[in-house]
Amino acid sequence: MKSLCGLAILASLLTTAVCAQTTQKGARVYAEITHDVSLPLRDMAKLVSPLQVKNREIENRHPKLNIRQTGNGDDVVADNLTLPPVSTTNLLSFDAQAADFGIIPPDTEGTVGATQYVQWVNIVYDVYDKTTGSLVLGPIQANALWQGFSNKACANHNDGDPIVMYDKAAQRWFFAQTAFETPYTICIAVSTSNDATGSYNRYAFPTNSTNFPDYPKWGVWPDGYYQSYNAYGSTVNPEVCAADRLNILAGNTATIQCFAAGTRYFGLMPSDLDGNTPPPTGSPNYYVSLGNDTSHLNLWQFHVDFTNPTNSTFTGPVALSVPAYTLICADGNNFACIPQPSPGEKIDSLSGEIMYRFAYRNLGTYESLLVSHVVKPGTGSKATGAVRWYEIRSPKTPVLFQSGTIQNAAASLWMSSLAQDKNGDIAIGYSATSSTLDPSIYYSGRVPTDPVGKMEAPFQVVKGGGVQTSGGNRWGDYSAMQIDPADDCTFWYTQEYYKTTSASGWATRINSFKFKSCN
């Protein structure tokens, strides 16, 4: 390792990065275990049927947070959403998967392609027509994608923690899940067309087999599919990996390259490309986590070289100064502190976790990255949780362009996800609950002419009709806000809620909308 340090130029109203980073060189290279081309998914789906399973996912909760509290406890960027209602037109909104297969919590994931929307929740996914919302195919047991695959770990396991993405540049679907049986296996399937029900290039890759690969996240980048996961062994050591996108798209032999981020860090998130403009040639993929204290984010750069892996580098972290926030549920023993109306149990806030996604967009004159997490509200709110969001620009020498904390006077807000359209309009979806509000789904947003750090008043996607009473205090591990590749304007959001009070009978919603100024 060699030490690096570079100071960004100070600019008015911009918070700059404090540099104290290292560069790891020469990634660990894992050859594929096997690959093939599948039958069409619409045929493989007939070979398996959804199974009844135990009602808890394999889960390693994050360790006691190694984040030092800074600041005076108040939130100087608290936003009570005093701007007018969000300037969007709501489009499709429909109920999707529900708790038919006995798993709690729902990892609610989904994305949009050329003509379809795919929602993947835990062990099952559905394909919808994105124009009408009608079901095209499903429900499908997730490992149907790997039926007939010579790697039996992928073919036989269906363990959740899913990610589905749409590779916009290639017009292909990307599915990934991990087989949670030693030696652990990363299972990837990338479609051969823009039809999610068609055939797939399928790959199995090994991991660091001694450590449990929990909470995997992925991002699309021009040179690779970038991953992160928390590797649980005697300590928690996050891993970051890059799979060879170009060879996977071509159906060729491929490799995956990995670095260990270090035990001081937790919950890294790779950047995921939105829009039709790629990052500048040669740009690394960017990773983010919460900082070592509550006044910083940590940022890394992963440059991969699939021709000569000794040239691959993982550099960071840069500590990016942000307005101080206060963690909630941070005693290291119980992260469940979001209250619901009676008789609901308190539910997990995911405090200390960066929320999915780390959304990247190249807007021509500048590059932008968006990310969010849950914090304590500032003055003016009696709620438990609020949503802190950030826009980072100039990622190679990162600066914080704006940030805000979305809060309500009484309702706790959490489980957020955000993205922006081709005009730079930003939307963020989240869950909300209070002593009188059953957990419900909302989104807020802003246009570039709004005051910096401010969001417009929220839109209620669906009002909850009940609470969770016995779900192990868990709520979904993530939700997903995505941008439609067809017009680069329409946002698609999926999130969980409850229609009626039950032990763990969750429901999910898929909602699309666009800002009125985006065409």
Protein backbone atom coordinates (compact mmCIF):
# COMPACT_ATOMS: atom_id res chain seq x y z
CA MET A 1 0.00 0.00 0.00
CA LYS A 2 1.07 3.55 -0.58
CA SER A 3 -0.37 6.64 1.03
CA LEU A 4 -2.19 9.19 -1.09
CA CYS A 5 -3.43 12.62 -0.19
CA GLY A 6 -4.85 15.34 -2.41
CA LEU A 7 -6.81 18.40 -1.34
CA ALA A 8 -9.81 19.53 -3.34
CA ILE A 9 -10.15 23.26 -4.09
CA LEU A 10 -12.32 25.03 -1.55
CA ALA A 11 -15.41 26.53 -3.09
CA SER A 12 -18.14 28.68 -1.62
CA LEU A 13 -21.14 26.67 -0.37
CA LEU A 14 -19.43 23.37 -1.21
CA THR A 15 -18.10 20.95 1.39
CA THR A 16 -14.86 19.34 0.26
CA ALA A 17 -13.21 16.02 0.92
CA VAL A 18 -10.60 15.52 3.63
CA CYS A 19 -8.00 13.15 2.21
CA ALA A 20 -6.50 10.28 4.21
CA GLN A 21 -6.51 7.31 1.91
CA THR A 22 -4.58 4.30 0.70
CA THR A 23 -4.39 2.46 -2.60
CA GLN A 24 -4.60 -1.30 -2.78
CA LYS A 25 -3.10 -2.68 -5.98
CA GLY A 26 -3.57 -6.06 -7.60
CA ALA A 27 -7.03 -7.48 -7.01
CA ARG A 28 -7.76 -11.07 -6.06
CA VAL A 29 -8.95 -12.72 -9.26
CA TYR A 30 -11.56 -15.48 -9.26
CA ALA A 31 -12.15 -17.45 -12.43
CA GLU A 32 -15.73 -18.40 -13.17
CA ILE A 33 -16.84 -21.80 -11.93
CA THR A 34 -18.93 -22.25 -15.07
CA HIS A 35 -21.14 -20.40 -17.53
CA ASP A 36 -23.74 -21.23 -20.15
CA VAL A 37 -26.73 -19.86 -22.08
CA SER A 38 -30.12 -20.75 -20.66
CA LEU A 39 -33.45 -21.65 -22.13
CA PRO A 40 -35.98 -18.79 -22.16
CA LEU A 41 -37.09 -17.90 -18.63
CA ARG A 42 -40.72 -18.36 -19.67
CA ASP A 43 -39.89 -22.05 -20.23
CA MET A 44 -37.64 -22.52 -17.17
CA ALA A 45 -40.32 -20.98 -14.94
CA LYS A 46 -42.47 -24.04 -15.63
CA LEU A 47 -39.82 -26.34 -14.17
CA VAL A 48 -40.10 -25.08 -10.60
CA SER A 49 -42.84 -23.84 -8.31
CA PRO A 50 -42.54 -21.42 -5.37
CA LEU A 51 -41.82 -23.22 -2.10
CA GLN A 52 -43.09 -22.68 1.39
CA VAL A 53 -40.05 -21.82 3.49
CA LYS A 54 -39.16 -20.83 7.02
CA ASN A 55 -40.33 -17.34 7.84
CA ARG A 56 -36.96 -15.73 8.57
CA GLU A 57 -34.18 -14.99 6.15
CA ILE A 58 -30.59 -15.97 6.91
CA GLU A 59 -29.51 -12.71 8.48
CA ASN A 60 -26.41 -11.25 10.07
CA ARG A 61 -27.29 -7.96 11.69
CA HIS A 62 -24.65 -5.32 11.52
CA PRO A 63 -22.24 -5.06 14.45
CA LYS A 64 -22.14 -2.30 17.02
CA LEU A 65 -21.65 0.85 15.01
CA ASN A 66 -18.07 2.09 14.92
CA ILE A 67 -19.23 5.65 14.22
CA ARG A 68 -18.31 8.46 16.59
CA GLN A 69 -21.09 10.95 17.28
CA THR A 70 -20.05 14.52 16.46
CA GLY A 71 -21.89 17.83 16.48
CA ASN A 72 -24.34 19.15 19.03
CA GLY A 73 -27.19 16.77 18.25
CA ASP A 74 -29.28 19.20 16.18
CA ASP A 75 -29.62 18.90 12.40
CA VAL A 76 -28.74 22.12 10.60
CA VAL A 77 -30.17 20.89 7.26
CA ALA A 78 -33.51 19.68 8.66
CA ASP A 79 -36.23 20.27 6.05
CA ASN A 80 -39.85 20.39 7.13
CA LEU A 81 -40.99 20.21 3.49
CA THR A 82 -42.51 23.68 3.38
CA LEU A 83 -42.26 23.97 -0.42
CA PRO A 84 -45.42 23.39 -2.51
CA PRO A 85 -46.52 19.82 -3.35
CA VAL A 86 -44.08 17.84 -5.44
CA SER A 87 -44.39 18.90 -9.09
CA THR A 88 -44.97 15.45 -10.58
CA THR A 89 -47.63 13.63 -12.51
CA ASN A 90 -48.48 10.28 -10.99
CA LEU A 91 -48.78 7.44 -13.51
CA LEU A 92 -49.20 3.72 -12.80
CA SER A 93 -49.67 2.61 -9.20
CA PHE A 94 -50.53 -0.99 -8.40
CA ASP A 95 -50.09 -3.68 -5.77
CA ALA A 96 -47.46 -6.29 -6.56
CA GLN A 97 -46.06 -9.19 -4.54
CA ALA A 98 -47.39 -9.98 -1.09
CA ALA A 99 -46.40 -12.30 1.76
CA ASP A 100 -47.46 -15.48 -0.01
CA PHE A 101 -44.27 -17.40 0.68
CA GLY A 102 -43.76 -16.90 4.39
CA ILE A 103 -40.56 -14.82 4.44
CA ILE A 104 -39.99 -11.80 6.64
CA PRO A 105 -38.68 -9.16 6.01
CA PRO A 106 -39.36 -8.47 2.33
CA ASP A 107 -36.26 -7.27 0.47
CA THR A 108 -38.31 -5.17 -1.95
CA GLU A 109 -36.36 -4.75 -5.18
CA GLY A 110 -37.32 -3.87 -8.73
CA THR A 111 -36.32 -2.07 -11.89
CA VAL A 112 -37.67 -1.01 -15.25
CA GLY A 113 -36.57 -1.94 -18.77
CA ALA A 114 -37.60 -1.17 -22.34
CA THR A 115 -41.13 -2.61 -22.07
CA GLN A 116 -41.26 -4.42 -18.72
CA TYR A 117 -40.89 -3.92 -14.99
CA VAL A 118 -39.38 -6.71 -12.88
CA GLN A 119 -39.98 -6.87 -9.14
CA TRP A 120 -37.89 -9.32 -7.11
CA VAL A 121 -38.80 -9.80 -3.46
CA ASN A 122 -36.77 -12.37 -1.51
CA ILE A 123 -37.16 -15.67 -3.39
CA VAL A 124 -39.76 -14.75 -6.03
CA TYR A 125 -39.95 -12.32 -8.93
CA ASP A 126 -42.66 -11.16 -11.33
CA VAL A 127 -42.46 -9.58 -14.77
CA TYR A 128 -45.02 -6.82 -15.49
CA ASP A 129 -45.99 -4.91 -18.61
CA LYS A 130 -44.80 -1.40 -17.80
CA THR A 131 -47.57 0.24 -19.87
CA THR A 132 -50.53 -1.48 -18.22
CA GLY A 133 -49.10 -3.01 -15.03
CA SER A 134 -50.48 -6.40 -16.05
CA LEU A 135 -48.56 -9.52 -15.04
CA VAL A 136 -46.56 -10.97 -17.96
CA LEU A 137 -44.89 -13.83 -16.10
CA GLY A 138 -44.89 -14.93 -12.48
CA PRO A 139 -44.72 -15.54 -9.68
CA ILE A 140 -41.43 -17.26 -10.46
CA GLN A 141 -39.17 -18.99 -7.97
CA ALA A 142 -35.94 -17.01 -8.28
CA ASN A 143 -33.62 -19.93 -8.95
CA ALA A 144 -35.70 -20.83 -11.99
CA LEU A 145 -33.13 -18.66 -13.76
CA TRP A 146 -30.50 -21.32 -13.06
CA GLN A 147 -32.52 -24.46 -13.85
CA GLY A 148 -30.40 -26.89 -15.85
CA PHE A 149 -27.25 -24.98 -14.87
CA SER A 150 -24.29 -27.26 -14.13
CA ASN A 151 -23.52 -25.34 -10.93
CA LYS A 152 -25.88 -26.97 -8.44
CA ALA A 153 -25.43 -24.29 -5.79
CA CYS A 154 -27.09 -21.75 -8.11
CA ALA A 155 -29.62 -24.24 -9.47
CA ASN A 156 -30.74 -25.58 -6.09
CA HIS A 157 -30.44 -22.59 -3.76
CA ASN A 158 -32.92 -19.74 -3.49
CA ASP A 159 -31.71 -17.75 -0.49
CA GLY A 160 -32.88 -14.18 -1.07
CA ASP A 161 -30.83 -10.96 -0.80
CA PRO A 162 -31.64 -10.32 -4.47
CA ILE A 163 -30.66 -7.58 -6.89
CA VAL A 164 -32.19 -6.98 -10.31
CA MET A 165 -30.89 -4.17 -12.53
CA TYR A 166 -31.34 -3.03 -16.12
CA ASP A 167 -28.12 -2.41 -18.02
CA LYS A 168 -29.35 0.59 -19.99
CA ALA A 169 -26.43 0.85 -22.41
CA ALA A 170 -26.68 -2.83 -23.40
CA GLN A 171 -30.49 -3.07 -23.01
CA ARG A 172 -30.09 -6.21 -20.91
CA TRP A 173 -31.46 -7.44 -17.57
CA PHE A 174 -29.05 -8.32 -14.76
CA PHE A 175 -30.07 -10.69 -11.95
CA ALA A 176 -27.85 -11.74 -9.03
CA GLN A 177 -28.20 -13.67 -5.81
CA THR A 178 -25.82 -15.63 -3.60
CA ALA A 179 -26.05 -19.31 -2.73
CA PHE A 180 -25.61 -19.26 1.06
CA GLU A 181 -23.89 -22.61 1.42
CA THR A 182 -20.14 -23.03 1.81
CA PRO A 183 -18.31 -22.56 -0.41
CA TYR A 184 -20.47 -19.50 -1.09
CA THR A 185 -21.33 -18.88 -4.73
CA ILE A 186 -22.28 -15.69 -6.59
CA CYS A 187 -24.95 -16.48 -9.18
CA ILE A 188 -25.36 -14.01 -12.08
CA ALA A 189 -27.75 -14.10 -15.04
CA VAL A 190 -27.70 -11.44 -17.78
CA SER A 191 -30.36 -11.53 -20.47
CA THR A 192 -29.50 -11.98 -24.13
CA SER A 193 -32.16 -9.39 -25.15
CA ASN A 194 -34.33 -6.70 -23.59
CA ASP A 195 -37.03 -9.31 -22.87
CA ALA A 196 -36.89 -10.42 -19.23
CA THR A 197 -38.72 -13.63 -20.14
CA GLY A 198 -36.09 -14.69 -22.70
CA SER A 199 -32.75 -16.50 -22.44
CA TYR A 200 -29.80 -15.57 -20.20
CA ASN A 201 -26.02 -15.82 -20.04
CA ARG A 202 -25.53 -17.52 -16.65
CA TYR A 203 -22.42 -17.45 -14.48
CA ALA A 204 -21.28 -18.88 -11.15
CA PHE A 205 -18.36 -17.24 -9.34
CA PRO A 206 -16.72 -18.22 -6.05
CA THR A 207 -16.34 -15.86 -3.10
CA ASN A 208 -14.02 -15.74 -0.12
CA SER A 209 -15.64 -18.99 1.01
CA THR A 210 -14.78 -18.71 4.71
CA ASN A 211 -16.88 -15.55 5.25
CA PHE A 212 -20.66 -15.23 4.94
CA PRO A 213 -21.40 -12.73 2.09
CA ASP A 214 -24.30 -10.75 3.57
CA TYR A 215 -26.27 -7.79 2.17
CA PRO A 216 -24.85 -7.88 -1.40
CA LYS A 217 -25.42 -4.82 -3.58
CA TRP A 218 -24.58 -4.24 -7.25
CA GLY A 219 -24.12 -1.36 -9.68
CA VAL A 220 -23.81 -1.17 -13.47
CA TRP A 221 -20.73 0.57 -14.90
CA PRO A 222 -19.30 0.59 -18.44
CA ASP A 223 -16.42 -1.78 -17.65
CA GLY A 224 -17.97 -3.99 -15.01
CA TYR A 225 -20.81 -5.07 -12.77
CA TYR A 226 -19.63 -3.82 -9.37
CA GLN A 227 -20.59 -5.52 -6.12
CA SER A 228 -20.22 -5.06 -2.38
CA TYR A 229 -21.08 -7.32 0.53
CA ASN A 230 -20.36 -7.61 4.25
CA ALA A 231 -18.14 -10.66 4.76
CA TYR A 232 -18.94 -12.12 8.18
CA GLY A 233 -16.21 -14.19 9.82
CA SER A 234 -14.43 -13.60 13.12
CA THR A 235 -14.77 -9.93 12.11
CA VAL A 236 -16.87 -8.14 9.50
CA ASN A 237 -14.73 -7.27 6.50
CA PRO A 238 -16.57 -5.69 3.54
CA GLU A 239 -15.62 -7.01 0.12
CA VAL A 240 -15.85 -5.09 -3.14
CA CYS A 241 -15.81 -6.92 -6.47
CA ALA A 242 -16.07 -6.22 -10.20
CA ALA A 243 -17.40 -8.81 -12.66
CA ASP A 244 -16.28 -8.62 -16.29
CA ARG A 245 -19.34 -6.99 -17.90
CA LEU A 246 -18.18 -7.07 -21.52
CA ASN A 247 -17.39 -10.78 -21.53
CA ILE A 248 -20.58 -11.60 -19.61
CA LEU A 249 -22.65 -9.69 -22.18
CA ALA A 250 -20.89 -11.63 -24.94
CA GLY A 251 -21.36 -14.97 -23.18
CA ASN A 252 -17.60 -15.52 -23.01
CA THR A 253 -15.44 -16.88 -20.19
CA ALA A 254 -15.30 -14.21 -17.47
CA THR A 255 -13.61 -13.40 -14.17
CA ILE A 256 -14.45 -11.41 -11.08
CA GLN A 257 -11.90 -9.29 -9.15
CA CYS A 258 -12.16 -8.41 -5.47
CA PHE A 259 -10.57 -6.33 -2.73
CA ALA A 260 -11.13 -6.36 1.04
CA ALA A 261 -12.19 -2.89 2.18
CA GLY A 262 -11.03 -3.35 5.78
CA THR A 263 -12.67 -4.12 9.11
CA ARG A 264 -13.05 -0.45 10.07
CA TYR A 265 -15.80 -0.04 7.48
CA PHE A 266 -19.28 -1.42 6.94
CA GLY A 267 -21.99 -1.43 4.32
CA LEU A 268 -20.23 -0.04 1.24
CA MET A 269 -22.45 0.74 -1.77
CA PRO A 270 -21.22 0.80 -5.41
CA SER A 271 -22.31 3.50 -7.84
CA ASP A 272 -24.99 2.57 -10.38
CA LEU A 273 -25.21 4.35 -13.74
CA ASP A 274 -28.40 6.16 -14.76
CA GLY A 275 -29.07 7.90 -18.06
CA ASN A 276 -27.71 7.69 -21.59
CA THR A 277 -24.42 9.53 -21.00
CA PRO A 278 -21.65 7.31 -19.64
CA PRO A 279 -19.06 8.56 -17.17
CA PRO A 280 -15.86 10.00 -18.70
CA THR A 281 -13.67 7.36 -20.32
CA GLY A 282 -11.64 5.46 -17.75
CA SER A 283 -13.66 6.63 -14.75
CA PRO A 284 -13.49 4.31 -11.75
CA ASN A 285 -16.58 3.02 -10.04
CA TYR A 286 -17.33 4.94 -6.85
CA TYR A 287 -18.22 3.42 -3.47
CA VAL A 288 -19.72 5.11 -0.41
CA SER A 289 -20.36 4.26 3.24
CA LEU A 290 -21.14 6.22 6.35
CA GLY A 291 -18.01 7.83 7.80
CA ASN A 292 -16.10 7.02 10.94
CA ASP A 293 -17.99 9.85 12.62
CA THR A 294 -21.34 11.55 12.03
CA SER A 295 -19.80 14.49 10.15
CA HIS A 296 -18.39 12.54 7.19
CA LEU A 297 -19.11 10.06 4.44
CA ASN A 298 -16.41 7.68 3.22
CA LEU A 299 -15.75 7.46 -0.53
CA TRP A 300 -13.61 5.03 -2.54
CA GLN A 301 -12.62 4.56 -6.19
CA PHE A 302 -12.38 1.09 -7.77
CA HIS A 303 -10.47 0.92 -11.06
CA VAL A 304 -10.54 -2.53 -12.65
CA ASP A 305 -8.25 -3.88 -15.36
CA PHE A 306 -9.48 -7.23 -16.63
CA THR A 307 -6.52 -7.59 -19.00
CA ASN A 308 -3.85 -7.04 -16.34
CA PRO A 309 -5.34 -7.43 -12.83
CA THR A 310 -2.10 -6.23 -11.22
CA ASN A 311 -3.14 -2.77 -12.45
CA SER A 312 -6.53 -2.91 -10.68
CA THR A 313 -6.74 -0.53 -7.71
CA PHE A 314 -9.08 0.24 -4.83
CA THR A 315 -8.36 3.68 -3.40
CA GLY A 316 -9.80 5.33 -0.31
CA PRO A 317 -11.49 6.23 1.79
CA VAL A 318 -11.73 9.95 1.26
CA ALA A 319 -13.61 11.45 4.20
CA LEU A 320 -16.18 13.86 2.76
CA SER A 321 -17.42 16.44 5.27
CA VAL A 322 -21.22 16.58 5.62
CA PRO A 323 -23.52 18.44 8.04
CA ALA A 324 -23.45 16.58 11.35
CA TYR A 325 -26.28 14.16 11.99
CA THR A 326 -27.36 12.02 14.94
CA LEU A 327 -27.74 8.25 14.65
CA ILE A 328 -30.86 6.55 15.97
CA CYS A 329 -31.18 3.06 17.49
CA ALA A 330 -27.40 3.07 17.88
CA ASP A 331 -26.83 1.20 21.13
CA GLY A 332 -25.35 -1.74 19.22
CA ASN A 333 -27.89 -4.23 20.55
CA ASN A 334 -31.30 -3.25 19.21
CA PHE A 335 -31.80 -1.35 15.97
CA ALA A 336 -35.59 -1.60 16.19
CA CYS A 337 -36.91 1.76 17.37
CA ILE A 338 -39.38 3.00 14.72
CA PRO A 339 -42.80 3.01 16.46
CA GLN A 340 -46.03 2.00 14.72
CA PRO A 341 -49.60 2.54 15.94
CA SER A 342 -50.76 0.00 18.54
CA PRO A 343 -50.60 -3.02 18.39
CA GLY A 344 -47.64 -2.74 16.05
CA GLU A 345 -44.15 -3.73 17.18
CA LYS A 346 -41.18 -1.41 16.95
CA ILE A 347 -39.34 -2.00 13.69
CA ASP A 348 -35.80 -1.82 12.39
CA SER A 349 -34.59 1.58 11.21
CA LEU A 350 -31.44 0.24 9.49
CA SER A 351 -29.53 2.97 11.27
CA GLY A 352 -25.89 2.92 10.24
CA GLU A 353 -26.65 1.60 6.74
CA ILE A 354 -26.31 3.49 3.48
CA MET A 355 -29.53 2.91 1.56
CA TYR A 356 -29.75 1.43 -1.93
CA ARG A 357 -28.86 3.01 -4.47
CA PHE A 358 -25.71 5.13 -4.92
CA ALA A 359 -27.18 6.63 -8.10
CA TYR A 360 -24.75 8.16 -10.62
CA ARG A 361 -25.62 10.45 -13.53
CA ASN A 362 -23.45 12.37 -15.99
CA LEU A 363 -25.39 15.54 -16.82
CA GLY A 364 -22.77 16.83 -19.28
CA THR A 365 -21.57 19.89 -17.41
CA TYR A 366 -21.18 17.96 -14.15
CA GLU A 367 -21.31 14.45 -12.65
CA SER A 368 -23.73 13.76 -9.81
CA LEU A 369 -24.08 11.02 -7.19
CA LEU A 370 -27.08 10.62 -4.86
CA VAL A 371 -27.33 8.64 -1.63
CA SER A 372 -29.38 8.60 1.60
CA HIS A 373 -29.74 7.07 5.08
CA VAL A 374 -31.85 7.40 8.24
CA VAL A 375 -31.03 9.89 11.03
CA LYS A 376 -32.61 11.58 14.04
CA PRO A 377 -34.88 14.50 13.07
CA GLY A 378 -33.87 18.05 13.93
CA THR A 379 -35.70 20.70 15.90
CA GLY A 380 -39.39 20.83 15.05
CA SER A 381 -40.04 17.09 14.97
CA LYS A 382 -41.01 14.66 17.72
CA ALA A 383 -40.57 11.64 15.45
CA THR A 384 -37.88 8.98 15.81
CA GLY A 385 -36.50 8.84 12.26
CA ALA A 386 -35.88 11.17 9.33
CA VAL A 387 -34.20 10.73 5.92
CA ARG A 388 -30.84 12.40 5.23
CA TRP A 389 -29.91 12.72 1.54
CA TYR A 390 -26.84 14.01 -0.31
CA GLU A 391 -25.84 15.11 -3.80
CA ILE A 392 -22.09 14.70 -4.43
CA ARG A 393 -20.50 16.24 -7.51
CA SER A 394 -17.07 15.99 -9.15
CA PRO A 395 -16.60 12.46 -7.76
CA LYS A 396 -12.89 12.12 -8.57
CA THR A 397 -12.27 15.10 -6.25
CA PRO A 398 -15.62 14.93 -4.48
CA VAL A 399 -17.55 17.90 -3.20
CA LEU A 400 -20.86 17.93 -1.38
CA PHE A 401 -23.09 20.11 -3.54
CA GLN A 402 -26.18 19.84 -1.33
CA SER A 403 -27.77 17.84 1.45
CA GLY A 404 -30.97 17.85 3.43
CA THR A 405 -32.88 15.96 6.10
CA ILE A 406 -36.50 15.24 5.20
CA GLN A 407 -38.56 15.18 8.38
CA ASN A 408 -42.13 15.35 9.59
CA ALA A 409 -43.37 16.85 12.84
CA ALA A 410 -44.80 13.52 14.04
CA ALA A 411 -44.13 10.75 11.50
CA SER A 412 -40.90 8.75 11.33
CA LEU A 413 -39.42 8.47 7.84
CA TRP A 414 -36.99 5.73 6.80
CA MET A 415 -36.14 3.05 4.18
CA SER A 416 -35.34 5.54 1.41
CA SER A 417 -34.15 5.30 -2.19
CA LEU A 418 -33.54 8.09 -4.70
CA ALA A 419 -32.64 8.86 -8.31
CA GLN A 420 -32.67 11.75 -10.77
CA ASP A 421 -33.92 12.20 -14.32
CA LYS A 422 -32.16 13.66 -17.39
CA ASN A 423 -33.10 17.22 -16.31
CA GLY A 424 -31.54 16.83 -12.86
CA ASP A 425 -34.92 16.51 -11.10
CA ILE A 426 -34.50 14.36 -7.99
CA ALA A 427 -37.07 12.04 -6.40
CA ILE A 428 -36.78 10.11 -3.13
CA GLY A 429 -39.18 7.45 -1.87
CA TYR A 430 -39.53 6.27 1.73
CA SER A 431 -41.72 4.67 4.38
CA ALA A 432 -43.54 6.79 6.96
CA THR A 433 -45.33 5.92 10.22
CA SER A 434 -46.47 7.56 13.44
CA SER A 435 -48.71 6.80 16.41
CA THR A 436 -51.71 7.51 14.17
CA LEU A 437 -50.35 6.62 10.71
CA ASP A 438 -49.99 2.98 9.68
CA PRO A 439 -46.76 2.46 7.73
CA SER A 440 -47.35 4.13 4.36
CA ILE A 441 -45.42 4.91 1.18
CA TYR A 442 -44.47 8.43 0.11
CA TYR A 443 -42.11 10.20 -2.23
CA SER A 444 -40.75 13.74 -2.29
CA GLY A 445 -38.74 15.51 -4.94
CA ARG A 446 -37.07 18.66 -6.18
CA VAL A 447 -36.25 20.45 -9.43
CA PRO A 448 -32.96 22.26 -10.01
CA THR A 449 -34.55 25.68 -9.45
CA ASP A 450 -35.70 24.77 -5.93
CA PRO A 451 -33.58 26.13 -3.05
CA VAL A 452 -30.45 24.05 -2.46
CA GLY A 453 -31.05 21.24 0.03
CA LYS A 454 -34.84 21.55 -0.08
CA MET A 455 -37.48 19.07 -1.17
CA GLU A 456 -41.05 19.76 -2.28
CA ALA A 457 -43.94 18.52 -0.14
CA PRO A 458 -44.54 14.75 -0.39
CA PHE A 459 -47.00 12.68 -2.38
CA GLN A 460 -48.71 9.76 -0.67
CA VAL A 461 -48.40 6.70 -2.92
CA VAL A 462 -50.52 4.48 -0.70
CA LYS A 463 -51.82 4.81 2.87
CA GLY A 464 -51.18 1.78 5.00
CA GLY A 465 -54.19 -0.11 6.32
CA GLY A 466 -52.50 -1.98 9.16
CA VAL A 467 -49.34 -2.66 11.15
CA GLN A 468 -46.81 -5.44 11.59
CA THR A 469 -47.22 -7.19 14.95
CA SER A 470 -44.77 -10.08 14.93
CA GLY A 471 -42.17 -9.77 12.21
CA GLY A 472 -39.13 -10.07 14.43
CA ASN A 473 -38.98 -6.25 14.54
CA ARG A 474 -37.71 -6.33 10.97
CA TRP A 475 -38.76 -4.16 8.02
CA GLY A 476 -37.52 -4.53 4.46
CA ASP A 477 -33.77 -4.18 3.97
CA TYR A 478 -34.20 -1.83 1.03
CA SER A 479 -36.57 -0.26 -1.46
CA ALA A 480 -35.79 0.81 -5.04
CA MET A 481 -36.17 4.06 -6.98
CA GLN A 482 -35.25 3.67 -10.66
CA ILE A 483 -35.41 5.68 -13.92
CA ASP A 484 -37.13 4.45 -17.05
CA PRO A 485 -34.54 4.00 -19.84
CA ALA A 486 -37.12 4.68 -22.56
CA ASP A 487 -37.70 8.37 -21.78
CA ASP A 488 -35.12 8.99 -19.01
CA CYS A 489 -37.88 10.92 -17.22
CA THR A 490 -40.23 8.42 -15.58
CA PHE A 491 -39.40 7.30 -12.03
CA TRP A 492 -40.42 3.85 -10.79
CA TYR A 493 -40.54 3.14 -7.07
CA THR A 494 -41.28 -0.08 -5.16
CA GLN A 495 -41.70 -0.37 -1.38
CA GLU A 496 -43.54 -2.44 1.24
CA TYR A 497 -46.57 -1.63 3.41
CA TYR A 498 -49.41 -3.45 5.22
CA LYS A 499 -52.97 -3.60 3.92
CA THR A 500 -54.31 -4.97 7.21
CA THR A 501 -52.81 -5.61 10.63
CA SER A 502 -51.10 -9.00 10.80
CA ALA A 503 -48.08 -10.78 12.23
CA SER A 504 -46.07 -10.52 9.02
CA GLY A 505 -48.50 -10.23 6.11
CA TRP A 506 -46.73 -7.50 4.19
CA ALA A 507 -47.74 -6.16 0.78
CA THR A 508 -45.77 -4.21 -1.84
CA ARG A 509 -46.56 -1.40 -4.24
CA ILE A 510 -45.10 -0.36 -7.60
CA ASN A 511 -45.57 3.31 -8.52
CA SER A 512 -44.46 5.38 -11.51
CA PHE A 513 -44.45 9.15 -11.95
CA LYS A 514 -42.57 11.95 -13.71
CA PHE A 515 -41.84 15.61 -13.18
CA LYS A 516 -44.08 17.84 -15.29
CA SER A 517 -41.09 19.62 -16.81
CA CYS A 518 -39.45 16.41 -18.12
CA ASN A 519 -40.38 15.17 -21.59
